[in-house]
Amino acid sequence: ILSREKSRIQKEQMKFCQVPQMTAKFLRHCALSDNGYETPELNDNRSLKALWLENNRIKVIENIDHLKEMRCLYLKRNALQCMRGLEHVTNLVCLDLSENSIEF
């Protein structure tokens, strides 16, 4: 069932663009594919402390404003070009944006 859901999500994402978008559905898929909880309440928890989204071809940081308690965000090896989208995630102590295309 998980592989069918994964395939469906990937096809849906390819309709809109060639890279994944950080939607709630995409974040849940990432959690499940990394042996996350199958219970939506646990994956969508607003008190999430760390999120690993490395190597996913993500172009834009979005849909994480509600994760106010997040302390660590790992976005290494994506397709990011800027750091926008982090304004409301104010408790970060660890942010990995290495190996992206961000110009400073």
N, C-alpha and C. Protein backbone atom coordinates (compact mmCIF):
# COMPACT_ATOMS: atom_id res chain seq x y z
N ILE A 1 0.84 -1.20 0.00
CA ILE A 1 0.00 0.00 0.00
C ILE A 1 0.87 1.24 0.00
N LEU A 2 1.93 1.24 0.78
CA LEU A 2 2.80 2.42 0.86
C LEU A 2 3.44 2.72 -0.48
N SER A 3 3.87 1.68 -1.20
CA SER A 3 4.51 1.93 -2.50
C SER A 3 3.50 2.49 -3.51
N ARG A 4 2.22 2.06 -3.44
CA ARG A 4 1.21 2.64 -4.32
C ARG A 4 0.98 4.11 -3.99
N GLU A 5 0.92 4.43 -2.70
CA GLU A 5 0.74 5.81 -2.27
C GLU A 5 1.94 6.65 -2.70
N LYS A 6 3.14 6.10 -2.53
CA LYS A 6 4.36 6.81 -2.93
C LYS A 6 4.34 7.09 -4.43
N SER A 7 3.96 6.10 -5.21
CA SER A 7 3.90 6.25 -6.66
C SER A 7 2.87 7.31 -7.05
N ARG A 8 1.71 7.28 -6.39
CA ARG A 8 0.65 8.25 -6.69
C ARG A 8 1.11 9.67 -6.36
N ILE A 9 1.77 9.84 -5.23
CA ILE A 9 2.26 11.16 -4.82
C ILE A 9 3.30 11.66 -5.82
N GLN A 10 4.20 10.77 -6.23
CA GLN A 10 5.23 11.17 -7.19
C GLN A 10 4.62 11.59 -8.52
N LYS A 11 3.63 10.84 -9.00
CA LYS A 11 2.97 11.20 -10.26
C LYS A 11 2.26 12.54 -10.14
N GLU A 12 1.61 12.76 -8.99
CA GLU A 12 0.91 14.01 -8.75
C GLU A 12 1.88 15.19 -8.76
N GLN A 13 3.03 15.01 -8.14
CA GLN A 13 4.04 16.07 -8.10
C GLN A 13 4.60 16.35 -9.49
N MET A 14 4.76 15.34 -10.29
CA MET A 14 5.32 15.51 -11.62
C MET A 14 4.38 16.29 -12.53
N LYS A 15 3.08 16.27 -12.24
CA LYS A 15 2.11 17.04 -13.03
C LYS A 15 2.42 18.53 -12.93
N PHE A 16 2.77 18.98 -11.74
CA PHE A 16 2.94 20.41 -11.49
C PHE A 16 4.35 20.90 -11.78
N CYS A 17 5.34 20.10 -11.50
CA CYS A 17 6.72 20.50 -11.74
C CYS A 17 7.61 19.28 -11.63
N GLN A 18 8.86 19.45 -11.95
CA GLN A 18 9.78 18.33 -11.94
C GLN A 18 10.43 18.11 -10.57
N VAL A 19 10.12 18.95 -9.61
CA VAL A 19 10.69 18.79 -8.28
C VAL A 19 9.56 18.77 -7.26
N PRO A 20 9.77 18.08 -6.13
CA PRO A 20 8.71 18.00 -5.11
C PRO A 20 8.44 19.36 -4.47
N GLN A 21 7.22 19.54 -4.04
CA GLN A 21 6.86 20.73 -3.27
C GLN A 21 6.68 20.31 -1.82
N MET A 22 7.02 21.19 -0.90
CA MET A 22 6.93 20.86 0.52
C MET A 22 5.49 21.03 1.00
N THR A 23 4.61 20.18 0.54
CA THR A 23 3.23 20.20 0.99
C THR A 23 3.10 19.30 2.22
N ALA A 24 1.97 19.41 2.91
CA ALA A 24 1.74 18.53 4.06
C ALA A 24 1.77 17.08 3.62
N LYS A 25 1.21 16.80 2.44
CA LYS A 25 1.20 15.44 1.92
C LYS A 25 2.62 14.94 1.66
N PHE A 26 3.47 15.80 1.10
CA PHE A 26 4.86 15.41 0.83
C PHE A 26 5.61 15.16 2.14
N LEU A 27 5.42 16.03 3.13
CA LEU A 27 6.10 15.86 4.41
C LEU A 27 5.66 14.56 5.09
N ARG A 28 4.37 14.25 5.01
CA ARG A 28 3.85 12.99 5.59
C ARG A 28 4.47 11.80 4.85
N HIS A 29 4.53 11.89 3.53
CA HIS A 29 5.13 10.81 2.73
C HIS A 29 6.59 10.59 3.15
N CYS A 30 7.33 11.65 3.35
CA CYS A 30 8.73 11.52 3.76
C CYS A 30 8.83 10.83 5.11
N ALA A 31 7.95 11.20 6.02
CA ALA A 31 7.96 10.58 7.35
C ALA A 31 7.67 9.09 7.24
N LEU A 32 6.67 8.73 6.46
CA LEU A 32 6.31 7.32 6.31
C LEU A 32 7.40 6.53 5.60
N SER A 33 8.02 7.12 4.58
CA SER A 33 9.04 6.38 3.84
C SER A 33 10.29 6.17 4.68
N ASP A 34 10.46 6.97 5.72
CA ASP A 34 11.59 6.80 6.64
C ASP A 34 11.16 6.13 7.93
N ASN A 35 10.19 5.23 7.80
CA ASN A 35 9.66 4.46 8.94
C ASN A 35 9.01 5.35 9.99
N GLY A 36 8.35 6.40 9.55
CA GLY A 36 7.62 7.28 10.45
C GLY A 36 6.34 6.62 10.91
N TYR A 37 5.58 7.35 11.65
CA TYR A 37 4.32 6.83 12.17
C TYR A 37 3.25 6.83 11.08
N GLU A 38 2.40 5.83 11.09
CA GLU A 38 1.30 5.79 10.14
C GLU A 38 0.11 6.57 10.66
N THR A 39 0.15 6.98 11.91
CA THR A 39 -0.93 7.75 12.50
C THR A 39 -0.73 9.22 12.15
N PRO A 40 -1.66 9.83 11.39
CA PRO A 40 -1.48 11.22 10.96
C PRO A 40 -1.24 12.19 12.11
N GLU A 41 -1.87 11.94 13.26
CA GLU A 41 -1.70 12.88 14.38
C GLU A 41 -0.25 12.96 14.82
N LEU A 42 0.49 11.87 14.71
CA LEU A 42 1.88 11.87 15.12
C LEU A 42 2.77 12.52 14.08
N ASN A 43 2.49 12.30 12.79
CA ASN A 43 3.30 12.89 11.74
C ASN A 43 3.02 14.38 11.56
N ASP A 44 1.82 14.81 11.84
CA ASP A 44 1.45 16.21 11.65
C ASP A 44 1.57 17.01 12.94
N ASN A 45 2.26 16.48 13.90
CA ASN A 45 2.39 17.09 15.20
C ASN A 45 3.07 18.46 15.11
N ARG A 46 2.45 19.46 15.66
CA ARG A 46 2.99 20.81 15.63
C ARG A 46 4.21 20.97 16.53
N SER A 47 4.45 20.00 17.39
CA SER A 47 5.61 20.09 18.28
C SER A 47 6.81 19.32 17.74
N LEU A 48 6.82 19.06 16.45
CA LEU A 48 7.95 18.38 15.79
C LEU A 48 9.23 19.13 16.10
N LYS A 49 10.26 18.41 16.50
CA LYS A 49 11.53 19.04 16.89
C LYS A 49 12.59 18.97 15.80
N ALA A 50 12.57 17.93 14.96
CA ALA A 50 13.59 17.77 13.92
C ALA A 50 12.96 17.19 12.66
N LEU A 51 13.47 17.64 11.52
CA LEU A 51 12.93 17.19 10.23
C LEU A 51 14.08 16.99 9.26
N TRP A 52 14.19 15.79 8.72
CA TRP A 52 15.22 15.46 7.74
C TRP A 52 14.58 15.36 6.37
N LEU A 53 14.95 16.25 5.46
CA LEU A 53 14.43 16.27 4.10
C LEU A 53 15.59 16.35 3.10
N GLU A 54 16.64 15.66 3.39
CA GLU A 54 17.84 15.71 2.56
C GLU A 54 17.63 14.95 1.25
N ASN A 55 18.24 15.48 0.18
CA ASN A 55 18.28 14.80 -1.11
C ASN A 55 16.89 14.54 -1.70
N ASN A 56 16.04 15.55 -1.71
CA ASN A 56 14.68 15.41 -2.22
C ASN A 56 14.37 16.34 -3.39
N ARG A 57 15.35 17.06 -3.91
CA ARG A 57 15.18 18.01 -5.01
C ARG A 57 14.17 19.12 -4.67
N ILE A 58 14.06 19.48 -3.41
CA ILE A 58 13.15 20.54 -2.98
C ILE A 58 13.69 21.87 -3.46
N LYS A 59 12.82 22.67 -4.08
CA LYS A 59 13.21 23.96 -4.63
C LYS A 59 12.86 25.14 -3.72
N VAL A 60 11.78 24.99 -2.96
CA VAL A 60 11.27 26.08 -2.13
C VAL A 60 10.95 25.55 -0.74
N ILE A 61 11.35 26.31 0.28
CA ILE A 61 10.99 25.97 1.66
C ILE A 61 9.61 26.56 1.91
N GLU A 62 8.63 25.70 2.16
CA GLU A 62 7.26 26.18 2.37
C GLU A 62 6.47 25.20 3.23
N ASN A 63 5.33 25.68 3.72
CA ASN A 63 4.40 24.87 4.51
C ASN A 63 5.00 24.34 5.81
N ILE A 64 5.90 25.09 6.41
CA ILE A 64 6.44 24.68 7.71
C ILE A 64 6.20 25.76 8.78
N ASP A 65 5.42 26.77 8.44
CA ASP A 65 5.16 27.87 9.39
C ASP A 65 4.55 27.39 10.70
N HIS A 66 3.78 26.31 10.65
CA HIS A 66 3.11 25.81 11.85
C HIS A 66 4.04 25.02 12.76
N LEU A 67 5.26 24.73 12.31
CA LEU A 67 6.21 23.94 13.10
C LEU A 67 7.05 24.85 13.99
N LYS A 68 6.39 25.52 14.89
CA LYS A 68 7.03 26.54 15.74
C LYS A 68 8.05 25.96 16.71
N GLU A 69 7.92 24.69 17.05
CA GLU A 69 8.83 24.06 18.01
C GLU A 69 10.05 23.41 17.35
N MET A 70 10.11 23.40 16.03
CA MET A 70 11.20 22.74 15.34
C MET A 70 12.54 23.38 15.69
N ARG A 71 13.50 22.52 16.05
CA ARG A 71 14.82 22.99 16.43
C ARG A 71 15.88 22.63 15.39
N CYS A 72 15.65 21.56 14.62
CA CYS A 72 16.63 21.12 13.62
C CYS A 72 15.94 20.84 12.30
N LEU A 73 16.50 21.40 11.23
CA LEU A 73 15.95 21.20 9.89
C LEU A 73 17.11 20.87 8.95
N TYR A 74 17.03 19.71 8.35
CA TYR A 74 18.10 19.21 7.49
C TYR A 74 17.61 19.20 6.04
N LEU A 75 18.12 20.13 5.24
CA LEU A 75 17.72 20.26 3.83
C LEU A 75 18.93 20.14 2.90
N LYS A 76 19.90 19.37 3.30
CA LYS A 76 21.12 19.18 2.51
C LYS A 76 20.78 18.52 1.17
N ARG A 77 21.54 18.90 0.12
CA ARG A 77 21.43 18.30 -1.22
C ARG A 77 20.01 18.39 -1.79
N ASN A 78 19.50 19.60 -1.90
CA ASN A 78 18.23 19.84 -2.56
C ASN A 78 18.47 20.82 -3.69
N ALA A 79 17.45 21.48 -4.15
CA ALA A 79 17.57 22.44 -5.26
C ALA A 79 17.24 23.85 -4.79
N LEU A 80 17.49 24.14 -3.54
CA LEU A 80 17.17 25.45 -2.97
C LEU A 80 18.07 26.53 -3.55
N GLN A 81 17.47 27.70 -3.83
CA GLN A 81 18.23 28.83 -4.33
C GLN A 81 18.20 30.02 -3.37
N CYS A 82 17.30 29.95 -2.38
CA CYS A 82 17.23 31.02 -1.38
C CYS A 82 16.77 30.43 -0.05
N MET A 83 16.85 31.26 0.99
CA MET A 83 16.51 30.81 2.34
C MET A 83 15.12 31.26 2.78
N ARG A 84 14.31 31.75 1.88
CA ARG A 84 12.95 32.18 2.24
C ARG A 84 12.12 31.01 2.74
N GLY A 85 11.17 31.30 3.63
CA GLY A 85 10.28 30.27 4.14
C GLY A 85 10.59 29.85 5.56
N LEU A 86 11.61 30.44 6.14
CA LEU A 86 12.03 30.07 7.50
C LEU A 86 11.66 31.14 8.53
N GLU A 87 10.99 32.18 8.10
CA GLU A 87 10.73 33.33 8.97
C GLU A 87 9.98 32.99 10.25
N HIS A 88 9.06 32.03 10.20
CA HIS A 88 8.21 31.72 11.36
C HIS A 88 8.74 30.55 12.19
N VAL A 89 9.81 29.95 11.73
CA VAL A 89 10.42 28.84 12.46
C VAL A 89 11.58 29.44 13.26
N THR A 90 11.25 30.00 14.40
CA THR A 90 12.20 30.84 15.14
C THR A 90 13.03 30.09 16.18
N ASN A 91 12.73 28.82 16.43
CA ASN A 91 13.47 28.07 17.44
C ASN A 91 14.59 27.21 16.86
N LEU A 92 14.92 27.41 15.59
CA LEU A 92 15.97 26.60 14.97
C LEU A 92 17.32 26.84 15.62
N VAL A 93 18.00 25.77 15.96
CA VAL A 93 19.38 25.85 16.45
C VAL A 93 20.31 25.12 15.49
N CYS A 94 19.73 24.31 14.60
CA CYS A 94 20.52 23.57 13.62
C CYS A 94 19.80 23.64 12.28
N LEU A 95 20.48 24.20 11.28
CA LEU A 95 19.91 24.31 9.94
C LEU A 95 20.98 23.91 8.94
N ASP A 96 20.73 22.82 8.22
CA ASP A 96 21.71 22.34 7.23
C ASP A 96 21.17 22.59 5.83
N LEU A 97 21.76 23.58 5.16
CA LEU A 97 21.40 23.92 3.78
C LEU A 97 22.57 23.66 2.84
N SER A 98 23.51 22.87 3.28
CA SER A 98 24.69 22.61 2.46
C SER A 98 24.34 21.87 1.17
N GLU A 99 25.20 22.05 0.18
CA GLU A 99 25.06 21.41 -1.12
C GLU A 99 23.75 21.77 -1.83
N ASN A 100 23.35 23.02 -1.70
CA ASN A 100 22.24 23.60 -2.44
C ASN A 100 22.82 24.68 -3.35
N SER A 101 21.97 25.38 -4.06
CA SER A 101 22.42 26.44 -4.98
C SER A 101 22.13 27.82 -4.41
N ILE A 102 22.26 27.97 -3.11
CA ILE A 102 21.95 29.24 -2.45
C ILE A 102 23.13 30.20 -2.64
N GLU A 103 22.78 31.39 -3.12
CA GLU A 103 23.80 32.45 -3.28
C GLU A 103 23.68 33.40 -2.10
N PHE A 104 24.80 33.71 -1.50
CA PHE A 104 24.79 34.62 -0.34
C PHE A 104 25.29 35.98 -0.75
